[in-house]
Protein backbone atom coordinates (compact mmCIF):
# COMPACT_ATOMS: atom_id res chain seq x y z
CA MET A 1 -23.39 -117.18 -89.74
CA THR A 2 -24.72 -113.81 -91.37
CA THR A 3 -26.81 -114.01 -94.47
CA HIS A 4 -25.73 -111.49 -97.04
CA VAL A 5 -27.73 -110.83 -100.02
CA SER A 6 -27.08 -108.08 -102.68
CA ILE A 7 -29.23 -104.91 -102.98
CA ASP A 8 -28.87 -101.79 -104.89
CA PRO A 9 -29.61 -98.42 -102.85
CA SER A 10 -30.38 -95.13 -103.93
CA ILE A 11 -27.91 -93.82 -101.25
CA LEU A 12 -25.32 -95.03 -99.19
CA TYR A 13 -25.77 -92.89 -95.80
CA PHE A 14 -24.99 -95.08 -93.01
CA GLY A 15 -24.24 -92.90 -90.84
CA THR A 16 -22.54 -89.12 -91.02
CA PRO A 17 -22.31 -86.22 -88.90
CA VAL A 18 -24.85 -83.51 -89.22
CA VAL A 19 -22.99 -80.07 -90.50
CA LEU A 20 -24.42 -76.67 -91.34
CA VAL A 21 -22.58 -74.89 -93.37
CA SER A 22 -22.40 -71.30 -93.43
CA THR A 23 -21.19 -69.34 -96.39
CA VAL A 24 -21.63 -65.82 -97.78
CA GLY A 25 -22.23 -65.31 -101.58
CA ALA A 26 -20.48 -62.53 -103.68
CA ASP A 27 -23.19 -60.38 -103.55
CA GLY A 28 -23.11 -60.72 -99.53
CA ARG A 29 -25.61 -62.57 -98.70
CA PRO A 30 -25.37 -64.99 -96.11
CA ASN A 31 -26.47 -68.69 -96.52
CA LEU A 32 -27.18 -72.04 -94.14
CA ALA A 33 -27.45 -74.95 -95.34
CA PRO A 34 -27.69 -78.86 -93.76
CA ILE A 35 -25.45 -81.49 -94.87
CA SER A 36 -24.44 -84.87 -94.12
CA SER A 37 -21.35 -85.87 -96.38
CA ILE A 38 -18.31 -85.22 -95.09
CA PHE A 39 -15.16 -86.67 -93.21
CA TRP A 40 -11.97 -84.98 -91.65
CA LEU A 41 -8.21 -85.72 -92.10
CA GLY A 42 -6.39 -84.33 -89.87
CA HIS A 43 -6.94 -80.52 -90.25
CA THR A 44 -8.37 -81.05 -93.48
CA ALA A 45 -12.15 -81.61 -94.23
CA VAL A 46 -13.97 -82.73 -97.48
CA ILE A 47 -17.81 -82.32 -98.01
CA GLY A 48 -19.76 -83.04 -100.32
CA ILE A 49 -22.23 -80.99 -102.04
CA GLY A 50 -24.45 -80.31 -104.99
CA ARG A 51 -22.99 -78.48 -108.21
CA ARG A 52 -25.92 -76.78 -108.33
CA SER A 53 -26.43 -75.28 -104.65
CA ARG A 54 -26.73 -71.80 -103.25
CA THR A 55 -23.79 -73.14 -101.39
CA MET A 56 -21.52 -74.68 -104.35
CA GLN A 57 -21.73 -71.50 -105.75
CA ASN A 58 -20.78 -69.40 -102.58
CA LEU A 59 -17.73 -71.36 -102.16
CA THR A 60 -16.84 -71.34 -105.69
CA ASP A 61 -17.18 -67.45 -105.34
CA THR A 62 -15.82 -66.35 -102.07
CA ARG A 63 -13.76 -69.51 -101.08
CA GLU A 64 -14.63 -69.88 -97.61
CA CYS A 65 -17.12 -71.24 -95.02
CA VAL A 66 -17.79 -72.41 -91.29
CA LEU A 67 -18.25 -75.72 -90.63
CA ASN A 68 -20.95 -75.71 -87.77
CA LEU A 69 -21.74 -79.19 -85.65
CA PRO A 70 -24.90 -79.30 -83.85
CA SER A 71 -25.38 -81.85 -81.04
CA VAL A 72 -28.70 -83.69 -81.06
CA ASP A 73 -29.96 -80.59 -78.99
CA GLN A 74 -30.20 -78.87 -82.01
CA VAL A 75 -32.05 -81.44 -84.20
CA ALA A 76 -35.20 -78.97 -84.50
CA ALA A 77 -33.56 -76.08 -85.90
CA VAL A 78 -31.75 -78.55 -88.33
CA ASP A 79 -34.84 -80.07 -89.66
CA ARG A 80 -36.69 -76.48 -90.01
CA LEU A 81 -34.17 -76.14 -93.01
CA ALA A 82 -35.14 -79.41 -94.45
CA LEU A 83 -36.54 -78.94 -97.97
CA THR A 84 -35.36 -74.94 -98.43
CA THR A 85 -32.85 -73.80 -100.75
CA GLY A 86 -30.93 -70.43 -100.94
CA GLN A 87 -30.97 -70.83 -105.08
CA SER A 88 -33.65 -68.42 -106.62
CA PRO A 89 -35.49 -69.79 -108.83
CA VAL A 90 -35.85 -73.48 -107.20
CA SER A 91 -35.35 -76.04 -109.89
CA ASP A 92 -37.99 -78.37 -111.65
CA ARG A 93 -36.59 -81.20 -109.74
CA LYS A 94 -36.52 -80.25 -106.63
CA LEU A 95 -40.15 -77.89 -106.74
CA ALA A 96 -41.30 -81.44 -107.78
CA VAL A 97 -40.34 -82.83 -104.02
CA GLY A 98 -41.45 -79.73 -102.06
CA TYR A 99 -38.46 -77.62 -101.93
CA ARG A 100 -38.91 -73.86 -101.47
CA TYR A 101 -36.82 -70.88 -101.41
CA GLU A 102 -35.61 -69.55 -98.41
CA PRO A 103 -33.42 -65.98 -98.37
CA ASP A 104 -33.38 -66.12 -94.63
CA LYS A 105 -31.82 -69.53 -93.38
CA PHE A 106 -30.68 -68.41 -89.84
CA GLY A 107 -34.22 -66.78 -89.30
CA ARG A 108 -36.00 -70.10 -90.48
CA ALA A 109 -34.01 -72.65 -88.06
CA GLY A 110 -33.94 -70.30 -85.26
CA LEU A 111 -30.47 -69.90 -84.94
CA THR A 112 -27.90 -66.71 -84.07
CA ALA A 113 -25.29 -65.67 -86.53
CA VAL A 114 -22.03 -64.72 -85.06
CA SER A 115 -19.28 -63.11 -86.24
CA SER A 116 -15.96 -65.60 -87.30
CA THR A 117 -12.62 -64.59 -87.16
CA THR A 118 -10.85 -65.90 -90.11
CA VAL A 119 -13.35 -66.10 -92.60
CA ALA A 120 -16.38 -63.99 -93.51
CA PRO A 121 -19.20 -66.22 -93.03
CA SER A 122 -20.88 -66.06 -89.86
CA ARG A 123 -21.05 -68.94 -87.08
CA VAL A 124 -24.12 -70.32 -85.74
CA ALA A 125 -23.78 -69.71 -81.95
CA GLU A 126 -26.10 -72.37 -80.66
CA CYS A 127 -23.73 -74.92 -82.01
CA PRO A 128 -21.09 -76.31 -79.94
CA VAL A 129 -18.66 -76.67 -82.77
CA HIS A 130 -17.46 -74.09 -85.26
CA LEU A 131 -14.55 -75.13 -87.84
CA GLU A 132 -13.95 -71.77 -89.96
CA ALA A 133 -12.27 -72.95 -93.56
CA THR A 134 -11.12 -71.66 -96.72
CA VAL A 135 -11.68 -73.97 -99.96
CA ALA A 136 -8.49 -75.67 -101.15
CA ASP A 137 -10.12 -77.28 -103.99
CA ILE A 138 -12.77 -78.60 -105.54
CA TYR A 139 -13.40 -81.92 -107.34
CA MET A 140 -16.66 -82.49 -109.83
CA LEU A 141 -17.65 -86.20 -109.14
CA GLY A 142 -19.27 -88.36 -112.00
CA GLY A 143 -17.72 -86.24 -114.84
CA ASP A 144 -20.01 -83.73 -116.63
CA GLU A 145 -23.32 -85.35 -115.99
CA GLY A 146 -22.48 -85.16 -112.45
CA GLY A 147 -24.57 -83.62 -109.74
CA ALA A 148 -21.91 -83.29 -106.75
CA ALA A 149 -18.49 -82.28 -106.00
CA ALA A 150 -16.05 -83.04 -103.68
CA VAL A 151 -14.66 -79.56 -101.61
CA GLU A 152 -11.45 -80.04 -99.66
CA LEU A 153 -11.68 -77.30 -96.96
CA ALA A 154 -8.29 -75.97 -95.04
CA VAL A 155 -9.89 -75.73 -91.23
CA THR A 156 -8.51 -72.21 -90.20
CA ARG A 157 -9.95 -71.74 -86.49
CA VAL A 158 -11.66 -74.06 -84.50
CA HIS A 159 -14.26 -73.47 -81.63
CA VAL A 160 -15.66 -75.27 -79.29
CA ASP A 161 -18.19 -74.86 -76.32
CA GLU A 162 -16.00 -75.13 -73.27
CA SER A 163 -18.19 -77.88 -71.81
CA LEU A 164 -16.57 -80.12 -74.47
CA LYS A 165 -13.00 -79.76 -73.35
CA LEU A 166 -11.36 -82.67 -71.79
CA ALA A 167 -10.58 -81.85 -68.13
CA GLY A 168 -6.84 -80.64 -67.48
CA THR A 169 -5.78 -80.11 -70.98
CA ALA A 170 -6.16 -77.19 -73.24
CA ASN A 171 -6.61 -78.45 -76.90
CA ARG A 172 -8.43 -82.24 -76.54
CA ILE A 173 -12.25 -82.90 -76.91
CA ASP A 174 -13.99 -85.25 -74.30
CA PRO A 175 -15.55 -87.99 -76.09
CA ASP A 176 -17.69 -88.83 -73.53
CA ARG A 177 -19.25 -85.05 -73.77
CA TRP A 178 -19.59 -84.44 -77.52
CA ARG A 179 -22.82 -85.71 -78.82
CA PRO A 180 -23.13 -84.91 -82.81
CA LEU A 181 -25.88 -85.03 -84.47
CA ILE A 182 -25.53 -87.91 -87.12
CA MET A 183 -27.88 -88.82 -90.54
CA SER A 184 -28.41 -92.05 -91.56
CA PHE A 185 -30.35 -92.81 -94.57
CA GLN A 186 -32.54 -89.66 -94.20
CA GLN A 187 -33.26 -89.93 -90.17
CA PHE A 188 -31.37 -88.16 -87.34
CA TYR A 189 -29.99 -89.85 -84.82
CA GLY A 190 -27.35 -89.72 -81.36
CA LEU A 191 -24.75 -91.20 -80.25
CA GLY A 192 -25.14 -94.00 -77.22
CA ASP A 193 -22.39 -94.83 -74.77
CA ARG A 194 -19.12 -95.79 -75.37
CA ALA A 195 -19.11 -99.38 -76.84
CA PHE A 196 -15.62 -100.40 -76.03
CA PRO A 197 -12.45 -98.88 -74.80
CA SER A 198 -9.77 -98.44 -78.17
CA THR A 199 -6.57 -99.28 -78.33
CA LEU A 200 -5.72 -96.52 -80.51
CA SER A 201 -6.62 -94.82 -77.37
CA SER A 202 -3.05 -95.49 -76.23
CA ILE A 203 -1.67 -93.37 -78.76
CA ALA A 204 -1.27 -89.48 -77.84
CA GLU A 205 -3.61 -87.08 -80.05
CA LYS A 206 -0.61 -84.73 -80.71
CA TRP A 207 0.96 -87.55 -82.33
CA TYR A 208 -1.55 -86.39 -85.63
CA ARG A 209 -0.99 -82.92 -85.32
């Protein structure tokens, strides 16, 4: 029998996809930020973001973004954005752990900006999946003293690398080809092979639409 003990972790990142959120500020300056707090329901995405971040400021001001999903192949580029911020001056709290101001996130990561079709922020060419989105609502977490917000996003356009499409279909992703980059307790991971055939797969995907 498994033995459980009570613990009090500082974070609860049990494994979520990494996303590069591209935004544009009211002044027209682009920003690119890695996050790993996200989930989807239908064509709605919800991301968790620091209230004082440049990404949060841009989402509040311009109400648009692109969720760029890297695969494991882009892990080095994602890591080059670690400990960088588009917010200047850098807060004392972030300075204390090594953050620095970086006005050119695309250049820093070695990634290529390409135009979107429904929103102003650029997509990341190297990422296999791009989800253009607009802000539907913003929810402050933790009351007035909290440092985070949940941002509800309506996905307006989906772009995927053609190699990810399920053969013989127009709008489906092949889960055996898609290899997202996963963050689990501050470490990067990829997916392994399919663990077990899912009974849910007997339901046609279009049922969820």
